[in-house]
Amino acid sequence: MSKGQGTALVTGASAGIGAVYADRLAHRGYDLILVARDVAKLNALATRLIGETGVKVEVLRADLSNVDDIRKVEARLHADDITVLVNNAGVAVAGPTVEMDPERLEAMIQLNVVVATRLARAVAPGLAQRRRGDIINIASVVAIRGDQPAISVGYGASKAYLLAFSEGLDSELAPYGVRVQAVLPGVTRTELWEKGGLDINALPQDIVMETGDMVDAAFAGLDQGERVTIPALPDISDWIAFKTARAALLPNISHRLPAERYGRRSTDGSPLPRVPEHHG
C-alpha cells in the first residue's frame, strides 16, 4: 500500500534515468504517474512496481513534442495529489552547430528548455499552496563546462538554462517549503547517447556512471539538503567555491559607466580623465 507520500510525476519514464527514478520513488512510498510515448514499456514498468511496492501507478502516454500532449501533462500536474515532479525527458543532438539540422536543434531546445519550464510552472503553484513538494530537474555537468561543451553547443546551453532556472526557481519557492533540485550527471549509461548518434562504449569507461548509481546519489544529495547535485563530485566544497567565485562578480557587473579598461567615457562621450596612480 502507498505510504502517503503523495504522487510523483516522472517524464521520460519508459527507460534510463526516468525509469530508475520511478523505481526509487515507488520504493519510497510515492504513487506514480509515468509519462512517455512508449505505452508498452510504461505498462511493463507499472506492473512491476505495483507488484513490488503496492503503490498506485498511472500510465500517461504523452509525446512532449506535441502541444496538446504537453497541456495534458500540465493539467495532471495541477491536481492536488502531486508532490514531486521529475523533469527528466530530454534529448541530445550531437555535432557542430554549423552542421546541425536546424529542425533537430529547435526540437532539442523545445524539449530540454521550453517543456521543462512549462511543466515546472504548471506544478509550482499547487506545491507552493500546499507548502510541500519537490521539483527535480535533470540537467547535466555540461551546464558548467562553458566554452568546452560536450556533445554540442546547443545541448550544453539547454542544460545551462535548466541549471539557472532551477536555482532561481528554488529561491522563489523556498519560502513555501518547496525544494527545487538540479541534478548534473556526468556521462551516464542511458539511451540518450545512442539516440544522439554517439557511442558511449567508445568513451573511457572510468568516466561512465551506471544509471542506478547516479539516481541514488541524486536522492542522497536531496536528502542532505543539496539544491545542485553533481553525483560524481567528491568534495562539495568545490561546488561551493564555484558559487563563491560567481558571487564575487556581482558587486561589479552593473555600474553607470563602463570599466576603465574599455576606455571609459562620460555621458557626453568625452574621455574621462585618468585617475592618477598612487604609489606608497
Protein backbone atom coordinates (compact mmCIF):
# COMPACT_ATOMS: atom_id res chain seq x y z
CA MET A 1 0.00 0.00 0.00
CA SER A 2 1.03 3.59 -0.60
CA LYS A 3 2.70 5.24 2.38
CA GLY A 4 1.02 8.63 1.91
CA GLN A 5 3.94 10.44 0.31
CA GLY A 6 1.69 11.77 -2.42
CA THR A 7 2.13 11.33 -6.14
CA ALA A 8 5.26 11.80 -8.24
CA LEU A 9 5.09 12.51 -11.95
CA VAL A 10 8.13 11.39 -13.93
CA THR A 11 8.69 12.36 -17.57
CA GLY A 12 10.73 10.16 -19.87
CA ALA A 13 9.84 7.29 -17.55
CA SER A 14 9.95 4.41 -20.02
CA ALA A 15 13.70 3.79 -19.74
CA GLY A 16 17.01 5.04 -18.39
CA ILE A 17 17.12 7.70 -15.70
CA GLY A 18 13.34 8.19 -15.69
CA ALA A 19 12.61 4.51 -15.13
CA VAL A 20 15.10 4.36 -12.26
CA TYR A 21 13.58 7.47 -10.66
CA ALA A 22 10.18 5.80 -10.88
CA ASP A 23 11.57 2.69 -9.19
CA ARG A 24 13.22 4.61 -6.36
CA LEU A 25 10.18 6.84 -5.78
CA ALA A 26 7.86 3.82 -5.65
CA HIS A 27 10.10 2.17 -3.07
CA ARG A 28 10.00 5.41 -1.07
CA GLY A 29 6.22 5.12 -0.97
CA TYR A 30 5.15 7.56 -3.68
CA ASP A 31 2.27 6.83 -6.04
CA LEU A 32 3.37 7.42 -9.61
CA ILE A 33 2.36 8.97 -12.89
CA LEU A 34 4.63 7.64 -15.63
CA VAL A 35 4.90 9.84 -18.72
CA ALA A 36 6.44 8.81 -22.04
CA ARG A 37 5.49 7.82 -25.58
CA ASP A 38 6.11 4.06 -25.28
CA VAL A 39 3.00 2.71 -23.55
CA ALA A 40 4.19 -0.91 -23.67
CA LYS A 41 7.33 -0.06 -21.67
CA LEU A 42 5.35 2.12 -19.26
CA ASN A 43 2.82 -0.64 -18.64
CA ALA A 44 5.56 -3.20 -18.01
CA LEU A 45 7.26 -0.86 -15.53
CA ALA A 46 3.94 -0.07 -13.85
CA THR A 47 3.11 -3.76 -13.44
CA ARG A 48 6.48 -4.47 -11.86
CA LEU A 49 6.37 -1.54 -9.45
CA ILE A 50 2.80 -2.27 -8.35
CA GLY A 51 3.81 -5.87 -7.63
CA GLU A 52 6.94 -4.89 -5.73
CA THR A 53 5.66 -1.93 -3.74
CA GLY A 54 1.86 -1.81 -3.80
CA VAL A 55 1.79 1.86 -4.81
CA LYS A 56 -0.68 3.22 -7.33
CA VAL A 57 0.76 3.73 -10.80
CA GLU A 58 -0.91 5.72 -13.57
CA VAL A 59 0.37 5.50 -17.14
CA LEU A 60 0.04 8.73 -19.09
CA ARG A 61 1.09 8.43 -22.71
CA ALA A 62 2.36 11.76 -23.99
CA ASP A 63 4.57 12.95 -26.80
CA LEU A 64 6.16 16.08 -25.33
CA SER A 65 6.85 17.46 -28.79
CA ASN A 66 3.07 17.79 -29.20
CA VAL A 67 1.46 20.85 -27.62
CA ASP A 68 -1.81 19.05 -26.86
CA ASP A 69 0.07 16.32 -25.00
CA ILE A 70 2.07 18.95 -23.10
CA ARG A 71 -1.19 20.53 -21.98
CA LYS A 72 -2.47 17.11 -20.94
CA VAL A 73 0.53 16.62 -18.65
CA GLU A 74 0.22 20.19 -17.33
CA ALA A 75 -3.42 19.52 -16.45
CA ARG A 76 -2.43 16.43 -14.49
CA LEU A 77 0.20 18.44 -12.62
CA HIS A 78 -2.50 20.84 -11.43
CA ALA A 79 -4.10 18.10 -9.30
CA ASP A 80 -3.74 18.40 -5.54
CA ASP A 81 -2.22 14.93 -5.08
CA ILE A 82 1.05 15.88 -6.80
CA THR A 83 4.06 16.24 -4.50
CA VAL A 84 7.01 15.58 -6.87
CA LEU A 85 7.84 16.41 -10.49
CA VAL A 86 10.87 14.77 -12.06
CA ASN A 87 11.64 16.76 -15.21
CA ASN A 88 13.70 14.06 -16.89
CA ALA A 89 12.59 13.99 -20.53
CA GLY A 90 15.32 15.35 -22.76
CA VAL A 91 17.25 14.77 -25.93
CA ALA A 92 20.78 15.38 -27.19
CA VAL A 93 21.75 16.36 -30.72
CA ALA A 94 25.46 15.92 -31.33
CA GLY A 95 27.82 17.75 -33.61
CA PRO A 96 28.97 21.26 -34.57
CA THR A 97 26.25 23.89 -34.71
CA VAL A 98 27.18 24.88 -38.28
CA GLU A 99 26.46 21.32 -39.44
CA MET A 100 23.35 20.71 -37.34
CA ASP A 101 19.88 20.24 -38.78
CA PRO A 102 18.05 23.37 -37.58
CA GLU A 103 14.81 21.43 -37.07
CA ARG A 104 16.54 18.94 -34.77
CA LEU A 105 18.29 21.78 -32.92
CA GLU A 106 14.98 23.56 -32.35
CA ALA A 107 13.28 20.34 -31.21
CA MET A 108 16.06 19.76 -28.67
CA ILE A 109 15.72 23.27 -27.26
CA GLN A 110 11.93 22.91 -27.17
CA LEU A 111 12.07 19.71 -25.11
CA ASN A 112 15.06 20.48 -22.88
CA VAL A 113 14.13 24.10 -22.17
CA VAL A 114 10.56 25.05 -23.02
CA VAL A 115 8.78 21.84 -21.99
CA ALA A 116 10.76 21.52 -18.76
CA THR A 117 9.91 25.13 -17.91
CA ARG A 118 6.23 24.72 -18.68
CA LEU A 119 5.89 21.59 -16.56
CA ALA A 120 7.70 23.18 -13.61
CA ARG A 121 5.47 26.24 -13.98
CA ALA A 122 2.39 24.02 -14.04
CA VAL A 123 3.21 22.21 -10.81
CA ALA A 124 4.76 25.08 -8.81
CA PRO A 125 1.60 26.97 -7.71
CA GLY A 126 -0.01 23.87 -6.24
CA LEU A 127 3.13 22.82 -4.40
CA ALA A 128 3.51 26.34 -3.02
CA GLN A 129 -0.12 26.44 -1.91
CA ARG A 130 0.22 23.07 -0.15
CA ARG A 131 3.65 24.11 1.18
CA ARG A 132 5.34 20.83 0.34
CA GLY A 133 6.94 19.08 -2.58
CA ASP A 134 9.94 18.76 -4.84
CA ILE A 135 10.79 19.68 -8.42
CA ILE A 136 13.76 17.69 -9.69
CA ASN A 137 15.27 18.91 -12.96
CA ILE A 138 17.73 16.61 -14.70
CA ALA A 139 20.38 18.89 -16.19
CA SER A 140 24.00 17.85 -16.89
CA VAL A 141 27.56 18.72 -15.98
CA VAL A 142 27.85 20.27 -19.45
CA ALA A 143 25.87 23.15 -17.92
CA ILE A 144 29.06 24.38 -16.26
CA ARG A 145 31.59 23.48 -18.95
CA GLY A 146 31.36 26.90 -20.57
CA ASP A 147 33.45 27.12 -23.73
CA GLN A 148 34.22 23.38 -23.70
CA PRO A 149 30.78 21.92 -24.41
CA ALA A 150 30.42 18.17 -24.72
CA ILE A 151 28.01 16.65 -27.26
CA SER A 152 27.07 20.02 -28.79
CA VAL A 153 26.92 23.73 -28.00
CA GLY A 154 23.13 23.70 -28.14
CA TYR A 155 22.84 20.77 -25.75
CA GLY A 156 25.19 22.38 -23.25
CA ALA A 157 23.33 25.67 -23.49
CA SER A 158 19.98 23.97 -22.90
CA LYS A 159 21.29 22.34 -19.73
CA ALA A 160 22.88 25.61 -18.58
CA TYR A 161 19.44 27.17 -18.85
CA LEU A 162 17.93 24.37 -16.77
CA LEU A 163 20.54 24.85 -14.06
CA ALA A 164 19.96 28.62 -13.91
CA PHE A 165 16.19 28.12 -13.97
CA SER A 166 16.37 25.58 -11.14
CA GLU A 167 18.49 27.81 -8.91
CA GLY A 168 16.22 30.80 -9.47
CA LEU A 169 13.02 28.82 -9.01
CA ASP A 170 14.36 27.31 -5.79
CA SER A 171 14.88 30.83 -4.44
CA GLU A 172 11.29 31.68 -5.30
CA LEU A 173 9.75 28.54 -3.82
CA ALA A 174 11.94 28.01 -0.74
CA PRO A 175 9.76 30.30 1.44
CA TYR A 176 6.85 27.95 0.71
CA GLY A 177 8.72 24.83 1.79
CA VAL A 178 9.16 23.58 -1.78
CA ARG A 179 12.56 22.28 -2.90
CA VAL A 180 13.94 22.58 -6.43
CA GLN A 181 16.94 20.40 -7.18
CA ALA A 182 19.08 20.46 -10.32
CA VAL A 183 20.86 17.18 -10.93
CA LEU A 184 24.02 17.43 -13.03
CA PRO A 185 25.06 13.94 -14.12
CA GLY A 186 28.29 13.31 -15.91
CA VAL A 187 28.41 10.58 -18.54
CA THR A 188 25.65 8.15 -17.58
CA ARG A 189 24.80 4.88 -19.32
CA THR A 190 21.46 5.70 -20.95
CA GLU A 191 19.82 5.53 -24.38
CA LEU A 192 20.43 9.27 -24.84
CA TRP A 193 23.88 8.58 -26.25
CA GLU A 194 22.76 6.15 -28.92
CA LYS A 195 19.80 8.32 -29.88
CA GLY A 196 22.17 11.27 -30.20
CA GLY A 197 24.42 9.33 -32.55
CA LEU A 198 27.20 8.76 -30.01
CA ASP A 199 28.87 5.54 -28.87
CA ILE A 200 29.17 5.51 -25.09
CA ASN A 201 31.35 2.39 -25.28
CA ALA A 202 33.99 4.41 -27.13
CA LEU A 203 34.48 6.61 -24.06
CA PRO A 204 36.86 5.78 -21.19
CA GLN A 205 34.73 3.56 -19.01
CA ASP A 206 36.09 5.07 -15.79
CA ILE A 207 34.03 8.20 -16.53
CA VAL A 208 30.77 6.33 -17.24
CA MET A 209 28.35 6.04 -14.30
CA GLU A 210 25.60 3.45 -14.13
CA THR A 211 22.10 4.89 -14.06
CA GLY A 212 21.15 3.39 -10.71
CA ASP A 213 24.23 4.82 -9.03
CA MET A 214 23.51 8.25 -10.50
CA VAL A 215 19.91 8.36 -9.29
CA ASP A 216 20.80 7.03 -5.83
CA ALA A 217 23.44 9.75 -5.46
CA ALA A 218 20.93 12.39 -6.58
CA PHE A 219 18.45 11.26 -3.93
CA ALA A 220 21.20 11.23 -1.31
CA GLY A 221 22.07 14.81 -2.28
CA LEU A 222 18.44 15.89 -1.97
CA ASP A 223 18.17 14.18 1.42
CA GLN A 224 21.28 16.09 2.53
CA GLY A 225 19.74 19.41 1.52
CA GLU A 226 21.60 19.98 -1.75
CA ARG A 227 19.89 22.07 -4.39
CA VAL A 228 22.51 21.31 -7.02
CA THR A 229 23.82 17.75 -7.05
CA ILE A 230 26.77 16.58 -9.14
CA PRO A 231 26.77 12.82 -8.48
CA ALA A 232 30.44 12.26 -9.34
CA LEU A 233 31.84 15.27 -7.44
CA PRO A 234 33.92 14.00 -4.48
CA ASP A 235 34.05 17.24 -2.48
CA ILE A 236 31.06 19.60 -2.19
CA SER A 237 33.46 22.40 -1.27
CA ASP A 238 34.47 22.54 -4.95
CA TRP A 239 30.89 23.46 -5.90
CA ILE A 240 30.72 25.97 -3.04
CA ALA A 241 33.97 27.55 -4.31
CA PHE A 242 32.45 27.79 -7.80
CA LYS A 243 29.37 29.55 -6.41
CA THR A 244 31.53 31.83 -4.24
CA ALA A 245 33.63 32.89 -7.23
CA ARG A 246 30.47 33.59 -9.21
CA ALA A 247 29.01 35.66 -6.37
CA ALA A 248 32.23 37.67 -6.10
CA LEU A 249 31.50 39.14 -9.55
CA LEU A 250 28.15 40.59 -8.52
CA PRO A 251 29.27 43.93 -6.99
CA ASN A 252 30.95 44.89 -10.26
CA ILE A 253 28.72 43.63 -13.05
CA SER A 254 26.49 46.72 -13.26
CA HIS A 255 27.74 50.32 -12.98
CA ARG A 256 26.79 53.67 -14.51
CA LEU A 257 29.94 53.78 -16.62
CA PRO A 258 31.91 51.11 -18.47
CA ALA A 259 35.02 49.78 -16.80
CA GLU A 260 38.14 51.88 -17.26
CA ARG A 261 39.83 49.08 -19.19
CA TYR A 262 37.35 49.73 -22.03
CA GLY A 263 38.36 53.40 -22.32
CA ARG A 264 35.66 54.92 -20.12
CA ARG A 265 33.80 57.96 -21.42
CA SER A 266 31.46 60.41 -19.73
CA THR A 267 27.79 60.61 -20.59
CA ASP A 268 28.52 63.26 -23.27
CA GLY A 269 31.01 60.95 -24.96
CA SER A 270 34.18 62.75 -23.91
CA PRO A 271 37.04 60.73 -22.42
CA LEU A 272 37.21 60.79 -18.65
CA PRO A 273 40.47 61.92 -17.10
CA ARG A 274 42.55 59.03 -15.89
CA VAL A 275 42.77 58.69 -12.14
CA PRO A 276 46.41 59.14 -11.15
CA GLU A 277 48.03 56.11 -9.69
CA HIS A 278 49.25 56.30 -6.12
CA HIS A 279 52.40 54.52 -5.10
CA GLY A 280 53.37 54.15 -1.50
